[in-house]
């Protein structure tokens, strides 16, 4: 097997074989998303959704990326998914919380296959939701697409960042700045960081074989955040709604391959 190599900046460049492994991890994540989405409804608990995700990931011979994950001095994360409700932006811990009609739920998770990670997130409404909440969800999903559309060999990381910010703020939403996308591969979080804001034409150059996770987080109110006492859950400082979308991307000679889409697609 041809192993990945690291560029002078410390960014991992994957071989074709390694991207094939990541394609398998991404497909497992995509298939898991379908199953979790089908289960989201009023009355279900975030813990039940977590079990659905873990059971499927393990049933196909993969491992959850997040379960037991440590960040800084935090206690290990206890779930397979991050389940973040309403004003919760990211890292919500699944458990006994019951979802109610009108909530919005952000689900973020990953899977490890053949030693490589796939990572993805989505936000959806629980039953009927407000028009404003739906606008937020739609804008966040589209901002991810706008960022992916900038991925091409020879471009710069901040081309992605600028596209996300320009679209999101043009729709009247703020972009979270304290939490960003990232490189991904043998580790869940690798170099480079992929911010969702900034001027175009800056940062590391995008190269064929790089794999990154792009993940815009948009708020109805301000972009400032706070972390709860559980050491994980991050909320909007002003209590406004937040949405989150993410896909794992492989950079090809011609553009971007989205590894965590249920359909599998290219830009």
C-alpha atoms as a PDB file:
ATOM      1  CA  UNK A   1       0.000   0.000   0.000  1.00  0.00           C
ATOM      2  CA  UNK A   2       1.241   3.494  -0.856  1.00  0.00           C
ATOM      3  CA  UNK A   3       1.119   5.564   2.291  1.00  0.00           C
ATOM      4  CA  UNK A   4       0.099   9.181   2.552  1.00  0.00           C
ATOM      5  CA  UNK A   5       2.802  11.796   2.646  1.00  0.00           C
ATOM      6  CA  UNK A   6       2.957  15.128   4.406  1.00  0.00           C
ATOM      7  CA  UNK A   7       3.520  18.432   2.694  1.00  0.00           C
ATOM      8  CA  UNK A   8       6.051  20.899   4.181  1.00  0.00           C
ATOM      9  CA  UNK A   9       3.109  22.537   5.985  1.00  0.00           C
ATOM     10  CA  UNK A  10       2.317  19.279   7.784  1.00  0.00           C
ATOM     11  CA  UNK A  11      -0.845  18.630   5.746  1.00  0.00           C
ATOM     12  CA  UNK A  12      -1.385  14.986   4.839  1.00  0.00           C
ATOM     13  CA  UNK A  13      -1.645  14.127   1.128  1.00  0.00           C
ATOM     14  CA  UNK A  14      -3.485  10.835   0.694  1.00  0.00           C
ATOM     15  CA  UNK A  15      -2.727   8.147  -1.839  1.00  0.00           C
ATOM     16  CA  UNK A  16      -5.440   6.818  -4.134  1.00  0.00           C
ATOM     17  CA  UNK A  17      -5.712   3.706  -1.933  1.00  0.00           C
ATOM     18  CA  UNK A  18      -6.153   5.780   1.218  1.00  0.00           C
ATOM     19  CA  UNK A  19      -8.853   7.882  -0.402  1.00  0.00           C
ATOM     20  CA  UNK A  20     -10.599   4.637  -1.300  1.00  0.00           C
ATOM     21  CA  UNK A  21     -10.578   3.727   2.409  1.00  0.00           C
ATOM     22  CA  UNK A  22     -11.961   7.170   3.217  1.00  0.00           C
ATOM     23  CA  UNK A  23     -14.632   6.675   0.558  1.00  0.00           C
ATOM     24  CA  UNK A  24     -15.779   3.566   2.456  1.00  0.00           C
ATOM     25  CA  UNK A  25     -15.827   5.431   5.776  1.00  0.00           C
ATOM     26  CA  UNK A  26     -17.738   8.252   4.107  1.00  0.00           C
ATOM     27  CA  UNK A  27     -20.324   5.901   2.657  1.00  0.00           C
ATOM     28  CA  UNK A  28     -20.915   4.375   6.096  1.00  0.00           C
ATOM     29  CA  UNK A  29     -21.460   7.878   7.489  1.00  0.00           C
ATOM     30  CA  UNK A  30     -23.824   8.685   4.609  1.00  0.00           C
ATOM     31  CA  UNK A  31     -25.846   5.513   5.174  1.00  0.00           C
ATOM     32  CA  UNK A  32     -26.009   6.236   8.902  1.00  0.00           C
ATOM     33  CA  UNK A  33     -27.320   9.751   8.212  1.00  0.00           C
ATOM     34  CA  UNK A  34     -30.228   8.275   6.274  1.00  0.00           C
ATOM     35  CA  UNK A  35     -31.169   6.015   9.185  1.00  0.00           C
ATOM     36  CA  UNK A  36     -30.907   8.756  11.813  1.00  0.00           C
ATOM     37  CA  UNK A  37     -32.936  11.220   9.735  1.00  0.00           C
ATOM     38  CA  UNK A  38     -35.724   8.682   9.346  1.00  0.00           C
ATOM     39  CA  UNK A  39     -35.952   8.373  13.144  1.00  0.00           C
ATOM     40  CA  UNK A  40     -36.132  12.086  13.989  1.00  0.00           C
ATOM     41  CA  UNK A  41     -39.655  12.964  15.145  1.00  0.00           C
ATOM     42  CA  UNK A  42     -41.417  14.476  18.169  1.00  0.00           C
ATOM     43  CA  UNK A  43     -41.105  12.194  21.194  1.00  0.00           C
ATOM     44  CA  UNK A  44     -37.814  10.509  20.303  1.00  0.00           C
ATOM     45  CA  UNK A  45     -34.852  11.029  22.615  1.00  0.00           C
ATOM     46  CA  UNK A  46     -31.386  12.025  21.510  1.00  0.00           C
ATOM     47  CA  UNK A  47     -30.154   8.857  23.198  1.00  0.00           C
ATOM     48  CA  UNK A  48     -32.350   6.723  20.936  1.00  0.00           C
ATOM     49  CA  UNK A  49     -30.876   8.437  17.875  1.00  0.00           C
ATOM     50  CA  UNK A  50     -27.415   7.798  19.271  1.00  0.00           C
ATOM     51  CA  UNK A  51     -28.137   4.064  19.579  1.00  0.00           C
ATOM     52  CA  UNK A  52     -29.408   3.900  16.002  1.00  0.00           C
ATOM     53  CA  UNK A  53     -26.180   5.466  14.754  1.00  0.00           C
ATOM     54  CA  UNK A  54     -23.876   3.320  16.860  1.00  0.00           C
ATOM     55  CA  UNK A  55     -25.680   0.072  16.090  1.00  0.00           C
ATOM     56  CA  UNK A  56     -25.492   0.641  12.349  1.00  0.00           C
ATOM     57  CA  UNK A  57     -21.863   1.793  12.309  1.00  0.00           C
ATOM     58  CA  UNK A  58     -20.757  -1.252  14.290  1.00  0.00           C
ATOM     59  CA  UNK A  59     -22.967  -3.611  12.250  1.00  0.00           C
ATOM     60  CA  UNK A  60     -20.946  -2.877   9.107  1.00  0.00           C
ATOM     61  CA  UNK A  61     -17.600  -3.402  10.809  1.00  0.00           C
ATOM     62  CA  UNK A  62     -16.727   0.227  11.481  1.00  0.00           C
ATOM     63  CA  UNK A  63     -16.195   2.176  14.706  1.00  0.00           C
ATOM     64  CA  UNK A  64     -17.724   5.460  15.887  1.00  0.00           C
ATOM     65  CA  UNK A  65     -15.222   8.310  15.607  1.00  0.00           C
ATOM     66  CA  UNK A  66     -16.572  10.407  18.467  1.00  0.00           C
ATOM     67  CA  UNK A  67     -17.186   7.864  21.228  1.00  0.00           C
ATOM     68  CA  UNK A  68     -14.411   8.222  23.799  1.00  0.00           C
ATOM     69  CA  UNK A  69     -12.901  11.196  21.957  1.00  0.00           C
ATOM     70  CA  UNK A  70     -10.991  13.658  24.136  1.00  0.00           C
ATOM     71  CA  UNK A  71     -10.494  17.346  23.399  1.00  0.00           C
ATOM     72  CA  UNK A  72      -8.120  19.291  25.601  1.00  0.00           C
ATOM     73  CA  UNK A  73      -8.809  18.458  29.219  1.00  0.00           C
ATOM     74  CA  UNK A  74     -12.377  17.306  28.591  1.00  0.00           C
ATOM     75  CA  UNK A  75     -13.721  14.010  29.808  1.00  0.00           C
ATOM     76  CA  UNK A  76     -14.124  11.517  26.942  1.00  0.00           C
ATOM     77  CA  UNK A  77     -17.201  12.162  24.828  1.00  0.00           C
ATOM     78  CA  UNK A  78     -19.848   9.591  25.764  1.00  0.00           C
ATOM     79  CA  UNK A  79     -21.885   9.438  22.557  1.00  0.00           C
ATOM     80  CA  UNK A  80     -21.604   8.241  18.994  1.00  0.00           C
ATOM     81  CA  UNK A  81     -23.351  11.388  17.767  1.00  0.00           C
ATOM     82  CA  UNK A  82     -23.316  14.988  18.876  1.00  0.00           C
ATOM     83  CA  UNK A  83     -26.989  15.949  19.261  1.00  0.00           C
ATOM     84  CA  UNK A  84     -27.379  19.722  19.515  1.00  0.00           C
ATOM     85  CA  UNK A  85     -30.872  21.177  19.933  1.00  0.00           C
ATOM     86  CA  UNK A  86     -32.057  24.708  19.071  1.00  0.00           C
ATOM     87  CA  UNK A  87     -29.512  27.178  20.528  1.00  0.00           C
ATOM     88  CA  UNK A  88     -26.907  24.410  20.905  1.00  0.00           C
ATOM     89  CA  UNK A  89     -24.346  24.793  18.128  1.00  0.00           C
ATOM     90  CA  UNK A  90     -22.145  21.714  18.444  1.00  0.00           C
ATOM     91  CA  UNK A  91     -21.057  18.913  20.807  1.00  0.00           C
ATOM     92  CA  UNK A  92     -24.427  18.317  22.470  1.00  0.00           C
ATOM     93  CA  UNK A  93     -24.287  15.095  24.493  1.00  0.00           C
ATOM     94  CA  UNK A  94     -27.024  12.571  23.601  1.00  0.00           C
ATOM     95  CA  UNK A  95     -29.161  11.230  26.417  1.00  0.00           C
ATOM     96  CA  UNK A  96     -32.673  11.418  27.822  1.00  0.00           C
ATOM     97  CA  UNK A  97     -33.674  14.701  26.204  1.00  0.00           C
ATOM     98  CA  UNK A  98     -36.971  14.326  24.347  1.00  0.00           C
ATOM     99  CA  UNK A  99     -37.339  16.179  21.044  1.00  0.00           C
ATOM    100  CA  UNK A 100     -40.449  18.334  20.740  1.00  0.00           C
ATOM    101  CA  UNK A 101     -42.456  19.626  17.809  1.00  0.00           C
ATOM    102  CA  UNK A 102     -40.792  22.785  16.505  1.00  0.00           C
ATOM    103  CA  UNK A 103     -37.265  21.972  17.708  1.00  0.00           C
ATOM    104  CA  UNK A 104     -34.354  21.921  15.311  1.00  0.00           C
ATOM    105  CA  UNK A 105     -31.673  19.281  15.795  1.00  0.00           C
ATOM    106  CA  UNK A 106     -28.067  19.274  14.592  1.00  0.00           C
ATOM    107  CA  UNK A 107     -26.483  15.817  14.374  1.00  0.00           C
ATOM    108  CA  UNK A 108     -22.717  15.457  13.920  1.00  0.00           C
ATOM    109  CA  UNK A 109     -20.819  12.153  13.880  1.00  0.00           C
ATOM    110  CA  UNK A 110     -18.101  10.139  12.235  1.00  0.00           C
ATOM    111  CA  UNK A 111     -17.051   6.576  11.481  1.00  0.00           C
ATOM    112  CA  UNK A 112     -13.686   4.838  11.209  1.00  0.00           C
ATOM    113  CA  UNK A 113     -13.167   2.220   8.486  1.00  0.00           C
ATOM    114  CA  UNK A 114      -9.800   0.700   7.560  1.00  0.00           C
ATOM    115  CA  UNK A 115      -8.183   3.177   9.951  1.00  0.00           C
ATOM    116  CA  UNK A 116      -9.620   6.278   8.239  1.00  0.00           C
ATOM    117  CA  UNK A 117     -12.367   8.664   9.306  1.00  0.00           C
ATOM    118  CA  UNK A 118     -15.445  10.100   7.656  1.00  0.00           C
ATOM    119  CA  UNK A 119     -17.203  13.043   9.336  1.00  0.00           C
ATOM    120  CA  UNK A 120     -20.507  14.751   8.554  1.00  0.00           C
ATOM    121  CA  UNK A 121     -23.285  16.829  10.115  1.00  0.00           C
ATOM    122  CA  UNK A 122     -26.786  17.976   9.259  1.00  0.00           C
ATOM    123  CA  UNK A 123     -29.602  19.981  10.831  1.00  0.00           C
ATOM    124  CA  UNK A 124     -33.303  19.270  10.419  1.00  0.00           C
ATOM    125  CA  UNK A 125     -36.579  20.269  11.968  1.00  0.00           C
ATOM    126  CA  UNK A 126     -38.580  18.120  14.344  1.00  0.00           C
ATOM    127  CA  UNK A 127     -42.104  18.062  12.955  1.00  0.00           C
ATOM    128  CA  UNK A 128     -43.391  21.483  11.913  1.00  0.00           C
ATOM    129  CA  UNK A 129     -40.895  24.298  12.500  1.00  0.00           C
ATOM    130  CA  UNK A 130     -40.998  28.064  12.109  1.00  0.00           C
ATOM    131  CA  UNK A 131     -40.322  29.739   8.782  1.00  0.00           C
ATOM    132  CA  UNK A 132     -37.310  31.483  10.315  1.00  0.00           C
ATOM    133  CA  UNK A 133     -35.838  28.185  11.508  1.00  0.00           C
ATOM    134  CA  UNK A 134     -36.306  26.652   8.070  1.00  0.00           C
ATOM    135  CA  UNK A 135     -34.590  29.637   6.446  1.00  0.00           C
ATOM    136  CA  UNK A 136     -31.635  29.137   8.790  1.00  0.00           C
ATOM    137  CA  UNK A 137     -31.379  25.435   7.947  1.00  0.00           C
ATOM    138  CA  UNK A 138     -31.643  26.068   4.206  1.00  0.00           C
ATOM    139  CA  UNK A 139     -29.022  28.830   4.309  1.00  0.00           C
ATOM    140  CA  UNK A 140     -26.589  26.707   6.297  1.00  0.00           C
ATOM    141  CA  UNK A 141     -26.934  23.805   3.876  1.00  0.00           C
ATOM    142  CA  UNK A 142     -26.423  26.134   0.921  1.00  0.00           C
ATOM    143  CA  UNK A 143     -23.413  27.805   2.550  1.00  0.00           C
ATOM    144  CA  UNK A 144     -21.759  24.387   2.709  1.00  0.00           C
ATOM    145  CA  UNK A 145     -22.417  23.921  -1.001  1.00  0.00           C
ATOM    146  CA  UNK A 146     -21.008  27.369  -1.713  1.00  0.00           C
ATOM    147  CA  UNK A 147     -17.839  26.430   0.152  1.00  0.00           C
ATOM    148  CA  UNK A 148     -17.474  23.074  -1.580  1.00  0.00           C
ATOM    149  CA  UNK A 149     -17.843  24.780  -4.954  1.00  0.00           C
ATOM    150  CA  UNK A 150     -14.578  26.636  -4.255  1.00  0.00           C
ATOM    151  CA  UNK A 151     -12.566  23.444  -3.766  1.00  0.00           C
ATOM    152  CA  UNK A 152     -10.028  22.873  -6.523  1.00  0.00           C
ATOM    153  CA  UNK A 153      -6.346  22.075  -6.718  1.00  0.00           C
ATOM    154  CA  UNK A 154      -4.402  25.331  -6.778  1.00  0.00           C
ATOM    155  CA  UNK A 155      -6.988  27.251  -4.772  1.00  0.00           C
ATOM    156  CA  UNK A 156      -6.611  28.385  -1.185  1.00  0.00           C
ATOM    157  CA  UNK A 157      -8.323  27.301   2.023  1.00  0.00           C
ATOM    158  CA  UNK A 158      -9.702  30.801   2.540  1.00  0.00           C
ATOM    159  CA  UNK A 159     -11.495  30.670  -0.814  1.00  0.00           C
ATOM    160  CA  UNK A 160     -13.813  28.212   0.952  1.00  0.00           C
ATOM    161  CA  UNK A 161     -14.010  30.404   4.046  1.00  0.00           C
ATOM    162  CA  UNK A 162     -14.896  33.524   2.081  1.00  0.00           C
ATOM    163  CA  UNK A 163     -17.601  31.791   0.062  1.00  0.00           C
ATOM    164  CA  UNK A 164     -19.299  30.474   3.211  1.00  0.00           C
ATOM    165  CA  UNK A 165     -19.201  33.833   4.976  1.00  0.00           C
ATOM    166  CA  UNK A 166     -20.326  35.850   1.974  1.00  0.00           C
ATOM    167  CA  UNK A 167     -23.345  33.673   1.357  1.00  0.00           C
ATOM    168  CA  UNK A 168     -24.331  33.313   5.030  1.00  0.00           C
ATOM    169  CA  UNK A 169     -24.103  36.999   5.861  1.00  0.00           C
ATOM    170  CA  UNK A 170     -25.836  37.879   2.610  1.00  0.00           C
ATOM    171  CA  UNK A 171     -28.784  35.809   3.863  1.00  0.00           C
ATOM    172  CA  UNK A 172     -28.793  37.701   7.164  1.00  0.00           C
ATOM    173  CA  UNK A 173     -27.136  35.095   9.395  1.00  0.00           C
ATOM    174  CA  UNK A 174     -23.913  35.163  11.409  1.00  0.00           C
ATOM    175  CA  UNK A 175     -21.081  32.646  11.063  1.00  0.00           C
ATOM    176  CA  UNK A 176     -19.603  30.979  14.153  1.00  0.00           C
ATOM    177  CA  UNK A 177     -15.903  31.809  14.396  1.00  0.00           C
ATOM    178  CA  UNK A 178     -14.653  29.859  17.419  1.00  0.00           C
ATOM    179  CA  UNK A 179     -15.221  26.469  15.752  1.00  0.00           C
ATOM    180  CA  UNK A 180     -13.969  25.562  12.281  1.00  0.00           C
ATOM    181  CA  UNK A 181     -13.604  22.762   9.766  1.00  0.00           C
ATOM    182  CA  UNK A 182     -10.451  20.674   9.575  1.00  0.00           C
ATOM    183  CA  UNK A 183      -8.284  18.216   7.751  1.00  0.00           C
ATOM    184  CA  UNK A 184      -9.251  14.579   8.225  1.00  0.00           C
ATOM    185  CA  UNK A 185      -7.806  11.140   7.527  1.00  0.00           C
ATOM    186  CA  UNK A 186      -6.115   8.721   9.907  1.00  0.00           C
ATOM    187  CA  UNK A 187      -7.002  11.227  12.632  1.00  0.00           C
ATOM    188  CA  UNK A 188     -10.411  12.823  13.039  1.00  0.00           C
ATOM    189  CA  UNK A 189      -8.817  16.263  13.228  1.00  0.00           C
ATOM    190  CA  UNK A 190      -5.757  17.013  11.117  1.00  0.00           C
ATOM    191  CA  UNK A 191      -4.223  20.108   9.576  1.00  0.00           C
ATOM    192  CA  UNK A 192      -5.309  22.428   8.072  1.00  0.00           C
ATOM    193  CA  UNK A 193      -8.026  24.329   9.885  1.00  0.00           C
ATOM    194  CA  UNK A 194     -10.863  25.381   7.575  1.00  0.00           C
ATOM    195  CA  UNK A 195     -12.521  28.544   8.950  1.00  0.00           C
ATOM    196  CA  UNK A 196     -15.948  29.657   7.761  1.00  0.00           C
ATOM    197  CA  UNK A 197     -14.968  33.317   7.445  1.00  0.00           C
ATOM    198  CA  UNK A 198     -12.146  35.416   6.043  1.00  0.00           C
ATOM    199  CA  UNK A 199     -10.729  36.961   2.892  1.00  0.00           C
ATOM    200  CA  UNK A 200     -10.207  34.826  -0.208  1.00  0.00           C
ATOM    201  CA  UNK A 201      -6.776  33.901  -1.541  1.00  0.00           C
ATOM    202  CA  UNK A 202      -5.109  33.134   1.783  1.00  0.00           C
ATOM    203  CA  UNK A 203      -4.024  30.115   3.786  1.00  0.00           C
ATOM    204  CA  UNK A 204      -2.615  26.776   2.615  1.00  0.00           C
ATOM    205  CA  UNK A 205      -2.905  25.850  -1.036  1.00  0.00           C
ATOM    206  CA  UNK A 206      -5.390  23.122  -1.908  1.00  0.00           C
ATOM    207  CA  UNK A 207      -3.684  20.099  -3.481  1.00  0.00           C
ATOM    208  CA  UNK A 208      -4.829  16.875  -5.056  1.00  0.00           C
ATOM    209  CA  UNK A 209      -4.988  14.196  -2.353  1.00  0.00           C
ATOM    210  CA  UNK A 210      -5.879  16.525   0.511  1.00  0.00           C
ATOM    211  CA  UNK A 211      -8.984  15.552   2.476  1.00  0.00           C
ATOM    212  CA  UNK A 212     -10.876  18.136   4.510  1.00  0.00           C
ATOM    213  CA  UNK A 213     -14.120  18.506   6.450  1.00  0.00           C
ATOM    214  CA  UNK A 214     -15.999  21.709   5.660  1.00  0.00           C
ATOM    215  CA  UNK A 215     -18.577  22.577   8.338  1.00  0.00           C
ATOM    216  CA  UNK A 216     -20.354  25.926   8.462  1.00  0.00           C
ATOM    217  CA  UNK A 217     -22.275  26.783  11.642  1.00  0.00           C
ATOM    218  CA  UNK A 218     -24.751  29.657  11.231  1.00  0.00           C
ATOM    219  CA  UNK A 219     -26.722  31.536  13.907  1.00  0.00           C
ATOM    220  CA  UNK A 220     -29.832  33.649  13.669  1.00  0.00           C
ATOM    221  CA  UNK A 221     -28.316  36.087  16.188  1.00  0.00           C
ATOM    222  CA  UNK A 222     -24.690  36.936  16.911  1.00  0.00           C
ATOM    223  CA  UNK A 223     -21.737  34.655  16.247  1.00  0.00           C
ATOM    224  CA  UNK A 224     -20.465  34.560  19.855  1.00  0.00           C
ATOM    225  CA  UNK A 225     -20.581  31.251  21.733  1.00  0.00           C
ATOM    226  CA  UNK A 226     -20.474  29.837  25.262  1.00  0.00           C
ATOM    227  CA  UNK A 227     -19.612  26.367  26.539  1.00  0.00           C
ATOM    228  CA  UNK A 228     -21.867  24.708  29.116  1.00  0.00           C
ATOM    229  CA  UNK A 229     -20.660  23.200  32.371  1.00  0.00           C
ATOM    230  CA  UNK A 230     -20.711  19.671  30.924  1.00  0.00           C
ATOM    231  CA  UNK A 231     -17.438  20.610  29.211  1.00  0.00           C
ATOM    232  CA  UNK A 232     -18.739  19.821  25.725  1.00  0.00           C
ATOM    233  CA  UNK A 233     -21.988  21.485  24.677  1.00  0.00           C
ATOM    234  CA  UNK A 234     -21.501  24.814  22.890  1.00  0.00           C
ATOM    235  CA  UNK A 235     -24.426  27.256  22.672  1.00  0.00           C
ATOM    236  CA  UNK A 236     -25.084  30.654  21.132  1.00  0.00           C
ATOM    237  CA  UNK A 237     -24.266  33.378  23.638  1.00  0.00           C
ATOM    238  CA  UNK A 238     -27.544  35.177  22.922  1.00  0.00           C
ATOM    239  CA  UNK A 239     -29.738  32.057  22.942  1.00  0.00           C
ATOM    240  CA  UNK A 240     -30.590  32.273  19.238  1.00  0.00           C
ATOM    241  CA  UNK A 241     -31.068  29.233  17.006  1.00  0.00           C
ATOM    242  CA  UNK A 242     -28.064  27.641  15.306  1.00  0.00           C
ATOM    243  CA  UNK A 243     -27.650  25.176  12.415  1.00  0.00           C
ATOM    244  CA  UNK A 244     -24.703  23.052  11.257  1.00  0.00           C
ATOM    245  CA  UNK A 245     -23.855  21.139   8.095  1.00  0.00           C
ATOM    246  CA  UNK A 246     -20.659  19.252   7.271  1.00  0.00           C
ATOM    247  CA  UNK A 247     -19.214  16.946   4.632  1.00  0.00           C
ATOM    248  CA  UNK A 248     -15.872  15.231   4.159  1.00  0.00           C
ATOM    249  CA  UNK A 249     -14.240  16.227   0.879  1.00  0.00           C
ATOM    250  CA  UNK A 250     -11.420  14.722  -1.201  1.00  0.00           C
ATOM    251  CA  UNK A 251      -9.620  17.189  -3.447  1.00  0.00           C
ATOM    252  CA  UNK A 252      -9.175  15.809  -6.957  1.00  0.00           C
ATOM    253  CA  UNK A 253      -7.446  17.219 -10.008  1.00  0.00           C
ATOM    254  CA  UNK A 254     -10.814  18.405 -11.305  1.00  0.00           C
ATOM    255  CA  UNK A 255     -12.472  19.677  -8.118  1.00  0.00           C
ATOM    256  CA  UNK A 256     -14.069  18.064  -5.078  1.00  0.00           C
ATOM    257  CA  UNK A 257     -15.441  14.618  -4.352  1.00  0.00           C
ATOM    258  CA  UNK A 258     -17.952  14.641  -1.493  1.00  0.00           C
ATOM    259  CA  UNK A 259     -17.259  11.417   0.400  1.00  0.00           C
ATOM    260  CA  UNK A 260     -20.128  11.608   2.904  1.00  0.00           C
ATOM    261  CA  UNK A 261     -23.065  12.212   0.568  1.00  0.00           C
ATOM    262  CA  UNK A 262     -25.662   9.400   0.356  1.00  0.00           C
ATOM    263  CA  UNK A 263     -25.573   9.753  -3.433  1.00  0.00           C
ATOM    264  CA  UNK A 264     -21.856  10.469  -3.809  1.00  0.00           C
ATOM    265  CA  UNK A 265     -21.212  13.529  -5.906  1.00  0.00           C
ATOM    266  CA  UNK A 266     -18.574  15.805  -7.365  1.00  0.00           C
ATOM    267  CA  UNK A 267     -18.186  19.561  -7.762  1.00  0.00           C
END
